[in-house]
Amino acid sequence: MKSSIGTARSFHAAGTPGDLCHAHSRAALATSAAAIALRRGLGADLTDAQLLECIAEARDDASAPAPSPETRLAVRAALRAPLTRADDPQELADAVFDTLPDTPLRVEGANGQVFFLVPIAAP
């Protein structure tokens, strides 16, 4: 079940700063890899081998380079327990702003549905 938010190349205009493009692509990859991990019943405590398998499946490219430490951290962060309305407002704000610019955040809606908030910079 392959899905993609898309890479920065397909979203941002030519000339967009490289760091913004890297953050976009990392957020997209981390979200896809975290979704794969969740479908497999894995959480933030997954092993390094499991993490690499999920990233490889998300990339759908066996020849891709090893993921950066930042990408690995972003995937693990995206697998943390979802935040809810019951959480302290300051903790919610800190969680949202501390994940910028490249780490997805899971949140649980009022009906129990869990969502990824994915930081994609506006063009």
PDB file of N, CA and C in Angstrom:
ATOM      1  N   MET A   1       0.847  -1.175   0.000  1.00  0.00           N
ATOM      2  CA  MET A   1       0.000   0.000   0.000  1.00  0.00           C
ATOM      3  C   MET A   1       0.889   1.233   0.000  1.00  0.00           C
ATOM      4  N   LYS A   2       1.332   1.607  -1.133  1.00  0.00           N
ATOM      5  CA  LYS A   2       2.235   2.756  -1.283  1.00  0.00           C
ATOM      6  C   LYS A   2       1.422   4.036  -1.333  1.00  0.00           C
ATOM      7  N   SER A   3       1.860   5.018  -0.590  1.00  0.00           N
ATOM      8  CA  SER A   3       1.238   6.335  -0.657  1.00  0.00           C
ATOM      9  C   SER A   3       2.320   7.375  -0.427  1.00  0.00           C
ATOM     10  N   SER A   4       2.040   8.598  -0.846  1.00  0.00           N
ATOM     11  CA  SER A   4       3.069   9.618  -0.713  1.00  0.00           C
ATOM     12  C   SER A   4       2.447  10.998  -0.592  1.00  0.00           C
ATOM     13  N   ILE A   5       3.035  11.821   0.241  1.00  0.00           N
ATOM     14  CA  ILE A   5       2.671  13.229   0.311  1.00  0.00           C
ATOM     15  C   ILE A   5       3.347  13.950  -0.845  1.00  0.00           C
ATOM     16  N   GLY A   6       4.393  13.380  -1.333  1.00  0.00           N
ATOM     17  CA  GLY A   6       5.155  13.995  -2.411  1.00  0.00           C
ATOM     18  C   GLY A   6       6.418  14.626  -1.873  1.00  0.00           C
ATOM     19  N   THR A   7       7.361  14.772  -2.745  1.00  0.00           N
ATOM     20  CA  THR A   7       8.629  15.380  -2.346  1.00  0.00           C
ATOM     21  C   THR A   7       8.567  16.884  -2.558  1.00  0.00           C
ATOM     22  N   ALA A   8       9.530  17.564  -2.004  1.00  0.00           N
ATOM     23  CA  ALA A   8       9.596  19.020  -2.133  1.00  0.00           C
ATOM     24  C   ALA A   8       9.681  19.434  -3.596  1.00  0.00           C
ATOM     25  N   ARG A   9      10.332  18.627  -4.394  1.00  0.00           N
ATOM     26  CA  ARG A   9      10.522  18.956  -5.814  1.00  0.00           C
ATOM     27  C   ARG A   9       9.182  19.140  -6.527  1.00  0.00           C
ATOM     28  N   SER A  10       8.181  18.345  -6.140  1.00  0.00           N
ATOM     29  CA  SER A  10       6.879  18.435  -6.805  1.00  0.00           C
ATOM     30  C   SER A  10       5.964  19.469  -6.157  1.00  0.00           C
ATOM     31  N   PHE A  11       6.400  20.088  -5.066  1.00  0.00           N
ATOM     32  CA  PHE A  11       5.536  20.993  -4.307  1.00  0.00           C
ATOM     33  C   PHE A  11       6.013  22.444  -4.337  1.00  0.00           C
ATOM     34  N   HIS A  12       7.301  22.636  -4.156  1.00  0.00           N
ATOM     35  CA  HIS A  12       7.850  23.988  -4.034  1.00  0.00           C
ATOM     36  C   HIS A  12       8.391  24.506  -5.363  1.00  0.00           C
ATOM     37  N   ALA A  13       8.425  25.804  -5.472  1.00  0.00           N
ATOM     38  CA  ALA A  13       8.919  26.447  -6.690  1.00  0.00           C
ATOM     39  C   ALA A  13      10.433  26.309  -6.804  1.00  0.00           C
ATOM     40  N   ALA A  14      10.917  26.378  -8.029  1.00  0.00           N
ATOM     41  CA  ALA A  14      12.365  26.384  -8.251  1.00  0.00           C
ATOM     42  C   ALA A  14      12.965  27.541  -7.467  1.00  0.00           C
ATOM     43  N   GLY A  15      14.126  27.298  -6.879  1.00  0.00           N
ATOM     44  CA  GLY A  15      14.794  28.326  -6.103  1.00  0.00           C
ATOM     45  C   GLY A  15      14.457  28.301  -4.619  1.00  0.00           C
ATOM     46  N   THR A  16      13.566  27.389  -4.208  1.00  0.00           N
ATOM     47  CA  THR A  16      13.243  27.261  -2.782  1.00  0.00           C
ATOM     48  C   THR A  16      14.508  26.836  -2.045  1.00  0.00           C
ATOM     49  N   PRO A  17      14.788  27.420  -0.891  1.00  0.00           N
ATOM     50  CA  PRO A  17      16.003  27.064  -0.150  1.00  0.00           C
ATOM     51  C   PRO A  17      16.094  25.565   0.136  1.00  0.00           C
ATOM     52  N   GLY A  18      17.308  25.047   0.034  1.00  0.00           N
ATOM     53  CA  GLY A  18      17.542  23.618   0.208  1.00  0.00           C
ATOM     54  C   GLY A  18      17.110  23.086   1.555  1.00  0.00           C
ATOM     55  N   ASP A  19      17.323  23.858   2.634  1.00  0.00           N
ATOM     56  CA  ASP A  19      16.945  23.355   3.955  1.00  0.00           C
ATOM     57  C   ASP A  19      15.437  23.181   4.069  1.00  0.00           C
ATOM     58  N   LEU A  20      14.664  24.048   3.432  1.00  0.00           N
ATOM     59  CA  LEU A  20      13.216  23.918   3.430  1.00  0.00           C
ATOM     60  C   LEU A  20      12.798  22.668   2.657  1.00  0.00           C
ATOM     61  N   CYS A  21      13.460  22.410   1.544  1.00  0.00           N
ATOM     62  CA  CYS A  21      13.159  21.220   0.743  1.00  0.00           C
ATOM     63  C   CYS A  21      13.518  19.943   1.494  1.00  0.00           C
ATOM     64  N   HIS A  22      14.656  19.938   2.176  1.00  0.00           N
ATOM     65  CA  HIS A  22      15.031  18.758   2.959  1.00  0.00           C
ATOM     66  C   HIS A  22      14.019  18.504   4.070  1.00  0.00           C
ATOM     67  N   ALA A  23      13.576  19.559   4.743  1.00  0.00           N
ATOM     68  CA  ALA A  23      12.593  19.410   5.819  1.00  0.00           C
ATOM     69  C   ALA A  23      11.288  18.837   5.282  1.00  0.00           C
ATOM     70  N   HIS A  24      10.843  19.334   4.128  1.00  0.00           N
ATOM     71  CA  HIS A  24       9.616  18.832   3.509  1.00  0.00           C
ATOM     72  C   HIS A  24       9.744  17.342   3.203  1.00  0.00           C
ATOM     73  N   SER A  25      10.816  16.979   2.530  1.00  0.00           N
ATOM     74  CA  SER A  25      10.995  15.579   2.136  1.00  0.00           C
ATOM     75  C   SER A  25      11.144  14.673   3.353  1.00  0.00           C
ATOM     76  N   ARG A  26      11.813  15.146   4.401  1.00  0.00           N
ATOM     77  CA  ARG A  26      11.949  14.353   5.628  1.00  0.00           C
ATOM     78  C   ARG A  26      10.582  14.152   6.287  1.00  0.00           C
ATOM     79  N   ALA A  27       9.775  15.211   6.359  1.00  0.00           N
ATOM     80  CA  ALA A  27       8.448  15.100   6.967  1.00  0.00           C
ATOM     81  C   ALA A  27       7.577  14.115   6.195  1.00  0.00           C
ATOM     82  N   ALA A  28       7.642  14.171   4.871  1.00  0.00           N
ATOM     83  CA  ALA A  28       6.858  13.253   4.047  1.00  0.00           C
ATOM     84  C   ALA A  28       7.316  11.813   4.247  1.00  0.00           C
ATOM     85  N   LEU A  29       8.617  11.587   4.230  1.00  0.00           N
ATOM     86  CA  LEU A  29       9.153  10.238   4.415  1.00  0.00           C
ATOM     87  C   LEU A  29       8.846   9.718   5.817  1.00  0.00           C
ATOM     88  N   ALA A  30       9.024  10.551   6.830  1.00  0.00           N
ATOM     89  CA  ALA A  30       8.771  10.120   8.208  1.00  0.00           C
ATOM     90  C   ALA A  30       7.307   9.749   8.406  1.00  0.00           C
ATOM     91  N   THR A  31       6.397  10.503   7.793  1.00  0.00           N
ATOM     92  CA  THR A  31       4.972  10.192   7.903  1.00  0.00           C
ATOM     93  C   THR A  31       4.668   8.853   7.248  1.00  0.00           C
ATOM     94  N   SER A  32       5.181   8.637   6.060  1.00  0.00           N
ATOM     95  CA  SER A  32       4.945   7.371   5.361  1.00  0.00           C
ATOM     96  C   SER A  32       5.533   6.196   6.125  1.00  0.00           C
ATOM     97  N   ALA A  33       6.757   6.341   6.618  1.00  0.00           N
ATOM     98  CA  ALA A  33       7.398   5.258   7.368  1.00  0.00           C
ATOM     99  C   ALA A  33       6.664   4.986   8.674  1.00  0.00           C
ATOM    100  N   ALA A  34       6.208   6.035   9.350  1.00  0.00           N
ATOM    101  CA  ALA A  34       5.461   5.850  10.600  1.00  0.00           C
ATOM    102  C   ALA A  34       4.132   5.153  10.339  1.00  0.00           C
ATOM    103  N   ALA A  35       3.464   5.496   9.251  1.00  0.00           N
ATOM    104  CA  ALA A  35       2.204   4.830   8.913  1.00  0.00           C
ATOM    105  C   ALA A  35       2.431   3.342   8.663  1.00  0.00           C
ATOM    106  N   ILE A  36       3.512   3.010   7.989  1.00  0.00           N
ATOM    107  CA  ILE A  36       3.855   1.601   7.751  1.00  0.00           C
ATOM    108  C   ILE A  36       4.110   0.906   9.079  1.00  0.00           C
ATOM    109  N   ALA A  37       4.863   1.544   9.958  1.00  0.00           N
ATOM    110  CA  ALA A  37       5.151   0.955  11.273  1.00  0.00           C
ATOM    111  C   ALA A  37       3.864   0.715  12.055  1.00  0.00           C
ATOM    112  N   LEU A  38       2.959   1.674  12.038  1.00  0.00           N
ATOM    113  CA  LEU A  38       1.698   1.522  12.767  1.00  0.00           C
ATOM    114  C   LEU A  38       0.861   0.385  12.196  1.00  0.00           C
ATOM    115  N   ARG A  39       0.837   0.251  10.869  1.00  0.00           N
ATOM    116  CA  ARG A  39       0.102  -0.870  10.258  1.00  0.00           C
ATOM    117  C   ARG A  39       0.684  -2.206  10.682  1.00  0.00           C
ATOM    118  N   ARG A  40       1.977  -2.222  10.974  1.00  0.00           N
ATOM    119  CA  ARG A  40       2.641  -3.448  11.429  1.00  0.00           C
ATOM    120  C   ARG A  40       2.505  -3.654  12.934  1.00  0.00           C
ATOM    121  N   GLY A  41       1.836  -2.744  13.613  1.00  0.00           N
ATOM    122  CA  GLY A  41       1.663  -2.857  15.050  1.00  0.00           C
ATOM    123  C   GLY A  41       2.860  -2.391  15.854  1.00  0.00           C
ATOM    124  N   LEU A  42       3.735  -1.612  15.237  1.00  0.00           N
ATOM    125  CA  LEU A  42       4.945  -1.131  15.904  1.00  0.00           C
ATOM    126  C   LEU A  42       4.716   0.254  16.488  1.00  0.00           C
ATOM    127  N   GLY A  43       5.549   0.610  17.450  1.00  0.00           N
ATOM    128  CA  GLY A  43       5.468   1.924  18.068  1.00  0.00           C
ATOM    129  C   GLY A  43       6.831   2.574  18.109  1.00  0.00           C
ATOM    130  N   ALA A  44       6.956   3.607  18.919  1.00  0.00           N
ATOM    131  CA  ALA A  44       8.200   4.374  19.007  1.00  0.00           C
ATOM    132  C   ALA A  44       9.373   3.538  19.500  1.00  0.00           C
ATOM    133  N   ASP A  45       9.080   2.397  20.115  1.00  0.00           N
ATOM    134  CA  ASP A  45      10.145   1.533  20.632  1.00  0.00           C
ATOM    135  C   ASP A  45      10.595   0.480  19.618  1.00  0.00           C
ATOM    136  N   LEU A  46      10.232   0.644  18.346  1.00  0.00           N
ATOM    137  CA  LEU A  46      10.650  -0.327  17.338  1.00  0.00           C
ATOM    138  C   LEU A  46      12.174  -0.415  17.277  1.00  0.00           C
ATOM    139  N   THR A  47      12.659  -1.559  16.841  1.00  0.00           N
ATOM    140  CA  THR A  47      14.106  -1.748  16.756  1.00  0.00           C
ATOM    141  C   THR A  47      14.661  -0.954  15.575  1.00  0.00           C
ATOM    142  N   ASP A  48      15.968  -0.778  15.562  1.00  0.00           N
ATOM    143  CA  ASP A  48      16.598  -0.092  14.427  1.00  0.00           C
ATOM    144  C   ASP A  48      16.340  -0.841  13.126  1.00  0.00           C
ATOM    145  N   ALA A  49      16.381  -2.169  13.185  1.00  0.00           N
ATOM    146  CA  ALA A  49      16.131  -2.963  11.980  1.00  0.00           C
ATOM    147  C   ALA A  49      14.704  -2.746  11.482  1.00  0.00           C
ATOM    148  N   GLN A  50      13.735  -2.734  12.389  1.00  0.00           N
ATOM    149  CA  GLN A  50      12.346  -2.497  11.997  1.00  0.00           C
ATOM    150  C   GLN A  50      12.176  -1.091  11.427  1.00  0.00           C
ATOM    151  N   LEU A  51      12.834  -0.131  12.045  1.00  0.00           N
ATOM    152  CA  LEU A  51      12.780   1.249  11.572  1.00  0.00           C
ATOM    153  C   LEU A  51      13.299   1.342  10.141  1.00  0.00           C
ATOM    154  N   LEU A  52      14.438   0.720   9.888  1.00  0.00           N
ATOM    155  CA  LEU A  52      15.026   0.749   8.548  1.00  0.00           C
ATOM    156  C   LEU A  52      14.138   0.048   7.532  1.00  0.00           C
ATOM    157  N   GLU A  53      13.477  -1.045   7.931  1.00  0.00           N
ATOM    158  CA  GLU A  53      12.553  -1.741   7.027  1.00  0.00           C
ATOM    159  C   GLU A  53      11.382  -0.835   6.650  1.00  0.00           C
ATOM    160  N   CYS A  54      10.831  -0.131   7.624  1.00  0.00           N
ATOM    161  CA  CYS A  54       9.703   0.758   7.355  1.00  0.00           C
ATOM    162  C   CYS A  54      10.113   1.911   6.444  1.00  0.00           C
ATOM    163  N   ILE A  55      11.283   2.466   6.671  1.00  0.00           N
ATOM    164  CA  ILE A  55      11.771   3.552   5.818  1.00  0.00           C
ATOM    165  C   ILE A  55      12.023   3.040   4.401  1.00  0.00           C
ATOM    166  N   ALA A  56      12.614   1.855   4.283  1.00  0.00           N
ATOM    167  CA  ALA A  56      12.879   1.285   2.955  1.00  0.00           C
ATOM    168  C   ALA A  56      11.574   1.060   2.196  1.00  0.00           C
ATOM    169  N   GLU A  57      10.559   0.545   2.889  1.00  0.00           N
ATOM    170  CA  GLU A  57       9.270   0.333   2.226  1.00  0.00           C
ATOM    171  C   GLU A  57       8.648   1.670   1.812  1.00  0.00           C
ATOM    172  N   ALA A  58       8.757   2.665   2.671  1.00  0.00           N
ATOM    173  CA  ALA A  58       8.199   3.981   2.346  1.00  0.00           C
ATOM    174  C   ALA A  58       8.900   4.592   1.134  1.00  0.00           C
ATOM    175  N   ARG A  59      10.192   4.377   1.039  1.00  0.00           N
ATOM    176  CA  ARG A  59      10.956   4.917  -0.097  1.00  0.00           C
ATOM    177  C   ARG A  59      10.701   4.124  -1.367  1.00  0.00           C
ATOM    178  N   ASP A  60      10.394   2.845  -1.220  1.00  0.00           N
ATOM    179  CA  ASP A  60      10.181   1.959  -2.368  1.00  0.00           C
ATOM    180  C   ASP A  60      11.386   1.996  -3.305  1.00  0.00           C
ATOM    181  N   ASP A  61      12.575   2.060  -2.699  1.00  0.00           N
ATOM    182  CA  ASP A  61      13.810   2.140  -3.476  1.00  0.00           C
ATOM    183  C   ASP A  61      14.931   1.479  -2.687  1.00  0.00           C
ATOM    184  N   ALA A  62      15.263   0.261  -3.055  1.00  0.00           N
ATOM    185  CA  ALA A  62      16.285  -0.493  -2.326  1.00  0.00           C
ATOM    186  C   ALA A  62      17.665   0.144  -2.438  1.00  0.00           C
ATOM    187  N   SER A  63      17.881   0.954  -3.453  1.00  0.00           N
ATOM    188  CA  SER A  63      19.205   1.545  -3.649  1.00  0.00           C
ATOM    189  C   SER A  63      19.357   2.899  -2.944  1.00  0.00           C
ATOM    190  N   ALA A  64      18.325   3.340  -2.234  1.00  0.00           N
ATOM    191  CA  ALA A  64      18.392   4.643  -1.558  1.00  0.00           C
ATOM    192  C   ALA A  64      19.451   4.615  -0.464  1.00  0.00           C
ATOM    193  N   PRO A  65      20.076   5.749  -0.210  1.00  0.00           N
ATOM    194  CA  PRO A  65      21.093   5.797   0.853  1.00  0.00           C
ATOM    195  C   PRO A  65      20.459   5.577   2.224  1.00  0.00           C
ATOM    196  N   ALA A  66      21.290   5.243   3.182  1.00  0.00           N
ATOM    197  CA  ALA A  66      20.805   5.048   4.550  1.00  0.00           C
ATOM    198  C   ALA A  66      20.157   6.343   5.042  1.00  0.00           C
ATOM    199  N   PRO A  67      19.075   6.232   5.801  1.00  0.00           N
ATOM    200  CA  PRO A  67      18.429   7.448   6.298  1.00  0.00           C
ATOM    201  C   PRO A  67      19.314   8.181   7.300  1.00  0.00           C
ATOM    202  N   SER A  68      19.192   9.472   7.306  1.00  0.00           N
ATOM    203  CA  SER A  68      19.981  10.293   8.230  1.00  0.00           C
ATOM    204  C   SER A  68      19.501  10.084   9.664  1.00  0.00           C
ATOM    205  N   PRO A  69      20.338  10.430  10.631  1.00  0.00           N
ATOM    206  CA  PRO A  69      19.895  10.371  12.032  1.00  0.00           C
ATOM    207  C   PRO A  69      18.648  11.234  12.264  1.00  0.00           C
ATOM    208  N   GLU A  70      18.561  12.367  11.577  1.00  0.00           N
ATOM    209  CA  GLU A  70      17.395  13.239  11.723  1.00  0.00           C
ATOM    210  C   GLU A  70      16.120  12.562  11.223  1.00  0.00           C
ATOM    211  N   THR A  71      16.229  11.816  10.121  1.00  0.00           N
ATOM    212  CA  THR A  71      15.068  11.106   9.599  1.00  0.00           C
ATOM    213  C   THR A  71      14.646  10.008  10.560  1.00  0.00           C
ATOM    214  N   ARG A  72      15.595   9.290  11.099  1.00  0.00           N
ATOM    215  CA  ARG A  72      15.269   8.234  12.069  1.00  0.00           C
ATOM    216  C   ARG A  72      14.555   8.823  13.281  1.00  0.00           C
ATOM    217  N   LEU A  73      15.049   9.950  13.784  1.00  0.00           N
ATOM    218  CA  LEU A  73      14.407  10.600  14.931  1.00  0.00           C
ATOM    219  C   LEU A  73      12.999  11.083  14.585  1.00  0.00           C
ATOM    220  N   ALA A  74      12.817  11.591  13.379  1.00  0.00           N
ATOM    221  CA  ALA A  74      11.499  12.073  12.963  1.00  0.00           C
ATOM    222  C   ALA A  74      10.488  10.933  12.909  1.00  0.00           C
ATOM    223  N   VAL A  75      10.912   9.765  12.424  1.00  0.00           N
ATOM    224  CA  VAL A  75      10.004   8.610  12.380  1.00  0.00           C
ATOM    225  C   VAL A  75       9.633   8.196  13.798  1.00  0.00           C
ATOM    226  N   ARG A  76      10.618   8.057  14.663  1.00  0.00           N
ATOM    227  CA  ARG A  76      10.340   7.666  16.056  1.00  0.00           C
ATOM    228  C   ARG A  76       9.418   8.684  16.741  1.00  0.00           C
ATOM    229  N   ALA A  77       9.654   9.959  16.493  1.00  0.00           N
ATOM    230  CA  ALA A  77       8.803  10.994  17.091  1.00  0.00           C
ATOM    231  C   ALA A  77       7.365  10.879  16.590  1.00  0.00           C
ATOM    232  N   ALA A  78       7.204  10.561  15.316  1.00  0.00           N
ATOM    233  CA  ALA A  78       5.866  10.415  14.742  1.00  0.00           C
ATOM    234  C   ALA A  78       5.123   9.208  15.307  1.00  0.00           C
ATOM    235  N   LEU A  79       5.846   8.306  15.944  1.00  0.00           N
ATOM    236  CA  LEU A  79       5.237   7.110  16.520  1.00  0.00           C
ATOM    237  C   LEU A  79       4.912   7.260  18.006  1.00  0.00           C
ATOM    238  N   ARG A  80       5.227   8.400  18.590  1.00  0.00           N
ATOM    239  CA  ARG A  80       4.871   8.620  19.997  1.00  0.00           C
ATOM    240  C   ARG A  80       3.356   8.595  20.150  1.00  0.00           C
ATOM    241  N   ALA A  81       2.915   8.402  21.381  1.00  0.00           N
ATOM    242  CA  ALA A  81       1.475   8.403  21.660  1.00  0.00           C
ATOM    243  C   ALA A  81       0.860   9.710  21.161  1.00  0.00           C
ATOM    244  N   PRO A  82      -0.336   9.625  20.577  1.00  0.00           N
ATOM    245  CA  PRO A  82      -0.952  10.845  20.063  1.00  0.00           C
ATOM    246  C   PRO A  82      -1.346  11.808  21.184  1.00  0.00           C
ATOM    247  N   LEU A  83      -1.276  13.077  20.867  1.00  0.00           N
ATOM    248  CA  LEU A  83      -1.744  14.109  21.781  1.00  0.00           C
ATOM    249  C   LEU A  83      -3.263  14.202  21.683  1.00  0.00           C
ATOM    250  N   THR A  84      -3.896  14.631  22.767  1.00  0.00           N
ATOM    251  CA  THR A  84      -5.356  14.764  22.789  1.00  0.00           C
ATOM    252  C   THR A  84      -5.741  16.117  23.372  1.00  0.00           C
ATOM    253  N   ARG A  85      -7.029  16.439  23.302  1.00  0.00           N
ATOM    254  CA  ARG A  85      -7.540  17.675  23.900  1.00  0.00           C
ATOM    255  C   ARG A  85      -7.305  17.711  25.402  1.00  0.00           C
ATOM    256  N   ALA A  86      -7.189  16.541  26.008  1.00  0.00           N
ATOM    257  CA  ALA A  86      -7.000  16.468  27.462  1.00  0.00           C
ATOM    258  C   ALA A  86      -5.593  16.884  27.887  1.00  0.00           C
ATOM    259  N   ASP A  87      -4.666  16.929  26.945  1.00  0.00           N
ATOM    260  CA  ASP A  87      -3.295  17.321  27.280  1.00  0.00           C
ATOM    261  C   ASP A  87      -3.241  18.806  27.637  1.00  0.00           C
ATOM    262  N   ASP A  88      -2.266  19.148  28.442  1.00  0.00           N
ATOM    263  CA  ASP A  88      -2.050  20.526  28.864  1.00  0.00           C
ATOM    264  C   ASP A  88      -1.836  21.417  27.633  1.00  0.00           C
ATOM    265  N   PRO A  89      -2.530  22.559  27.555  1.00  0.00           N
ATOM    266  CA  PRO A  89      -2.383  23.431  26.383  1.00  0.00           C
ATOM    267  C   PRO A  89      -0.940  23.841  26.090  1.00  0.00           C
ATOM    268  N   GLN A  90      -0.157  24.101  27.112  1.00  0.00           N
ATOM    269  CA  GLN A  90       1.237  24.484  26.871  1.00  0.00           C
ATOM    270  C   GLN A  90       2.028  23.314  26.304  1.00  0.00           C
ATOM    271  N   GLU A  91       1.747  22.094  26.792  1.00  0.00           N
ATOM    272  CA  GLU A  91       2.415  20.908  26.249  1.00  0.00           C
ATOM    273  C   GLU A  91       2.034  20.698  24.789  1.00  0.00           C
ATOM    274  N   LEU A  92       0.763  20.950  24.458  1.00  0.00           N
ATOM    275  CA  LEU A  92       0.328  20.836  23.062  1.00  0.00           C
ATOM    276  C   LEU A  92       1.067  21.840  22.183  1.00  0.00           C
ATOM    277  N   ALA A  93       1.111  23.078  22.631  1.00  0.00           N
ATOM    278  CA  ALA A  93       1.800  24.113  21.847  1.00  0.00           C
ATOM    279  C   ALA A  93       3.272  23.773  21.688  1.00  0.00           C
ATOM    280  N   ASP A  94       3.910  23.364  22.773  1.00  0.00           N
ATOM    281  CA  ASP A  94       5.326  23.001  22.694  1.00  0.00           C
ATOM    282  C   ASP A  94       5.535  21.847  21.723  1.00  0.00           C
ATOM    283  N   ALA A  95       4.664  20.841  21.789  1.00  0.00           N
ATOM    284  CA  ALA A  95       4.804  19.683  20.900  1.00  0.00           C
ATOM    285  C   ALA A  95       4.690  20.101  19.442  1.00  0.00           C
ATOM    286  N   VAL A  96       3.736  20.953  19.142  1.00  0.00           N
ATOM    287  CA  VAL A  96       3.551  21.400  17.758  1.00  0.00           C
ATOM    288  C   VAL A  96       4.765  22.189  17.278  1.00  0.00           C
ATOM    289  N   PHE A  97       5.179  23.175  18.039  1.00  0.00           N
ATOM    290  CA  PHE A  97       6.248  24.048  17.570  1.00  0.00           C
ATOM    291  C   PHE A  97       7.628  23.412  17.675  1.00  0.00           C
ATOM    292  N   ASP A  98       7.802  22.467  18.583  1.00  0.00           N
ATOM    293  CA  ASP A  98       9.096  21.789  18.699  1.00  0.00           C
ATOM    294  C   ASP A  98       9.332  20.782  17.576  1.00  0.00           C
ATOM    295  N   THR A  99       8.270  20.355  16.887  1.00  0.00           N
ATOM    296  CA  THR A  99       8.445  19.394  15.797  1.00  0.00           C
ATOM    297  C   THR A  99       8.790  20.066  14.470  1.00  0.00           C
ATOM    298  N   LEU A 100       8.622  21.369  14.402  1.00  0.00           N
ATOM    299  CA  LEU A 100       8.944  22.073  13.158  1.00  0.00           C
ATOM    300  C   LEU A 100      10.441  22.044  12.909  1.00  0.00           C
ATOM    301  N   PRO A 101      10.918  21.942  11.710  1.00  0.00           N
ATOM    302  CA  PRO A 101      10.161  22.015  10.468  1.00  0.00           C
ATOM    303  C   PRO A 101       9.949  20.667   9.787  1.00  0.00           C
ATOM    304  N   ASP A 102      10.303  19.544  10.456  1.00  0.00           N
ATOM    305  CA  ASP A 102      10.367  18.302   9.675  1.00  0.00           C
ATOM    306  C   ASP A 102       9.839  17.046  10.356  1.00  0.00           C
ATOM    307  N   THR A 103       9.109  17.175  11.462  1.00  0.00           N
ATOM    308  CA  THR A 103       8.687  15.990  12.196  1.00  0.00           C
ATOM    309  C   THR A 103       7.170  15.933  12.318  1.00  0.00           C
ATOM    310  N   PRO A 104       6.548  14.864  11.812  1.00  0.00           N
ATOM    311  CA  PRO A 104       5.104  14.700  11.971  1.00  0.00           C
ATOM    312  C   PRO A 104       4.737  14.501  13.437  1.00  0.00           C
ATOM    313  N   LEU A 105       3.521  14.853  13.764  1.00  0.00           N
ATOM    314  CA  LEU A 105       3.012  14.745  15.124  1.00  0.00           C
ATOM    315  C   LEU A 105       1.659  14.051  15.056  1.00  0.00           C
ATOM    316  N   ARG A 106       1.447  13.083  15.941  1.00  0.00           N
ATOM    317  CA  ARG A 106       0.141  12.412  15.967  1.00  0.00           C
ATOM    318  C   ARG A 106      -0.768  13.096  16.978  1.00  0.00           C
ATOM    319  N   VAL A 107      -2.011  13.291  16.586  1.00  0.00           N
ATOM    320  CA  VAL A 107      -3.034  13.855  17.460  1.00  0.00           C
ATOM    321  C   VAL A 107      -4.297  13.012  17.338  1.00  0.00           C
ATOM    322  N   GLU A 108      -5.051  12.974  18.427  1.00  0.00           N
ATOM    323  CA  GLU A 108      -6.300  12.211  18.443  1.00  0.00           C
ATOM    324  C   GLU A 108      -7.469  13.179  18.469  1.00  0.00           C
ATOM    325  N   GLY A 109      -8.373  13.022  17.511  1.00  0.00           N
ATOM    326  CA  GLY A 109      -9.559  13.866  17.454  1.00  0.00           C
ATOM    327  C   GLY A 109     -10.587  13.462  18.499  1.00  0.00           C
ATOM    328  N   ALA A 110     -11.639  14.259  18.603  1.00  0.00           N
ATOM    329  CA  ALA A 110     -12.681  14.026  19.600  1.00  0.00           C
ATOM    330  C   ALA A 110     -13.355  12.666  19.431  1.00  0.00           C
ATOM    331  N   ASN A 111     -13.410  12.172  18.200  1.00  0.00           N
ATOM    332  CA  ASN A 111     -14.057  10.882  17.949  1.00  0.00           C
ATOM    333  C   ASN A 111     -13.102   9.699  18.087  1.00  0.00           C
ATOM    334  N   GLY A 112     -11.866   9.958  18.496  1.00  0.00           N
ATOM    335  CA  GLY A 112     -10.891   8.884  18.671  1.00  0.00           C
ATOM    336  C   GLY A 112     -10.026   8.618  17.455  1.00  0.00           C
ATOM    337  N   GLN A 113     -10.344   9.233  16.336  1.00  0.00           N
ATOM    338  CA  GLN A 113      -9.536   9.061  15.124  1.00  0.00           C
ATOM    339  C   GLN A 113      -8.186   9.739  15.324  1.00  0.00           C
ATOM    340  N   VAL A 114      -7.126   9.056  14.924  1.00  0.00           N
ATOM    341  CA  VAL A 114      -5.782   9.613  15.067  1.00  0.00           C
ATOM    342  C   VAL A 114      -5.310  10.146  13.716  1.00  0.00           C
ATOM    343  N   PHE A 115      -4.675  11.306  13.748  1.00  0.00           N
ATOM    344  CA  PHE A 115      -4.185  11.976  12.551  1.00  0.00           C
ATOM    345  C   PHE A 115      -2.705  12.301  12.701  1.00  0.00           C
ATOM    346  N   PHE A 116      -2.029  12.407  11.577  1.00  0.00           N
ATOM    347  CA  PHE A 116      -0.684  12.967  11.544  1.00  0.00           C
ATOM    348  C   PHE A 116      -0.817  14.444  11.176  1.00  0.00           C
ATOM    349  N   LEU A 117      -0.197  15.303  11.957  1.00  0.00           N
ATOM    350  CA  LEU A 117      -0.017  16.689  11.546  1.00  0.00           C
ATOM    351  C   LEU A 117       1.366  16.738  10.914  1.00  0.00           C
ATOM    352  N   VAL A 118       1.408  17.087   9.644  1.00  0.00           N
ATOM    353  CA  VAL A 118       2.660  17.035   8.895  1.00  0.00           C
ATOM    354  C   VAL A 118       3.096  18.458   8.556  1.00  0.00           C
ATOM    355  N   PRO A 119       4.265  18.871   9.042  1.00  0.00           N
ATOM    356  CA  PRO A 119       4.712  20.239   8.782  1.00  0.00           C
ATOM    357  C   PRO A 119       5.278  20.391   7.369  1.00  0.00           C
ATOM    358  N   ILE A 120       4.473  20.959   6.509  1.00  0.00           N
ATOM    359  CA  ILE A 120       4.907  21.260   5.147  1.00  0.00           C
ATOM    360  C   ILE A 120       4.864  22.780   5.017  1.00  0.00           C
ATOM    361  N   ALA A 121       6.002  23.391   4.761  1.00  0.00           N
ATOM    362  CA  ALA A 121       6.064  24.852   4.681  1.00  0.00           C
ATOM    363  C   ALA A 121       5.215  25.363   3.529  1.00  0.00           C
ATOM    364  N   ALA A 122       4.511  26.436   3.788  1.00  0.00           N
ATOM    365  CA  ALA A 122       3.706  27.062   2.743  1.00  0.00           C
ATOM    366  C   ALA A 122       4.640  27.724   1.732  1.00  0.00           C
ATOM    367  N   PRO A 123       4.298  27.580   0.443  1.00  0.00           N
ATOM    368  CA  PRO A 123       5.143  28.207  -0.581  1.00  0.00           C
ATOM    369  C   PRO A 123       5.087  29.719  -0.511  1.00  0.00           C
TER     370      PRO A 123
END
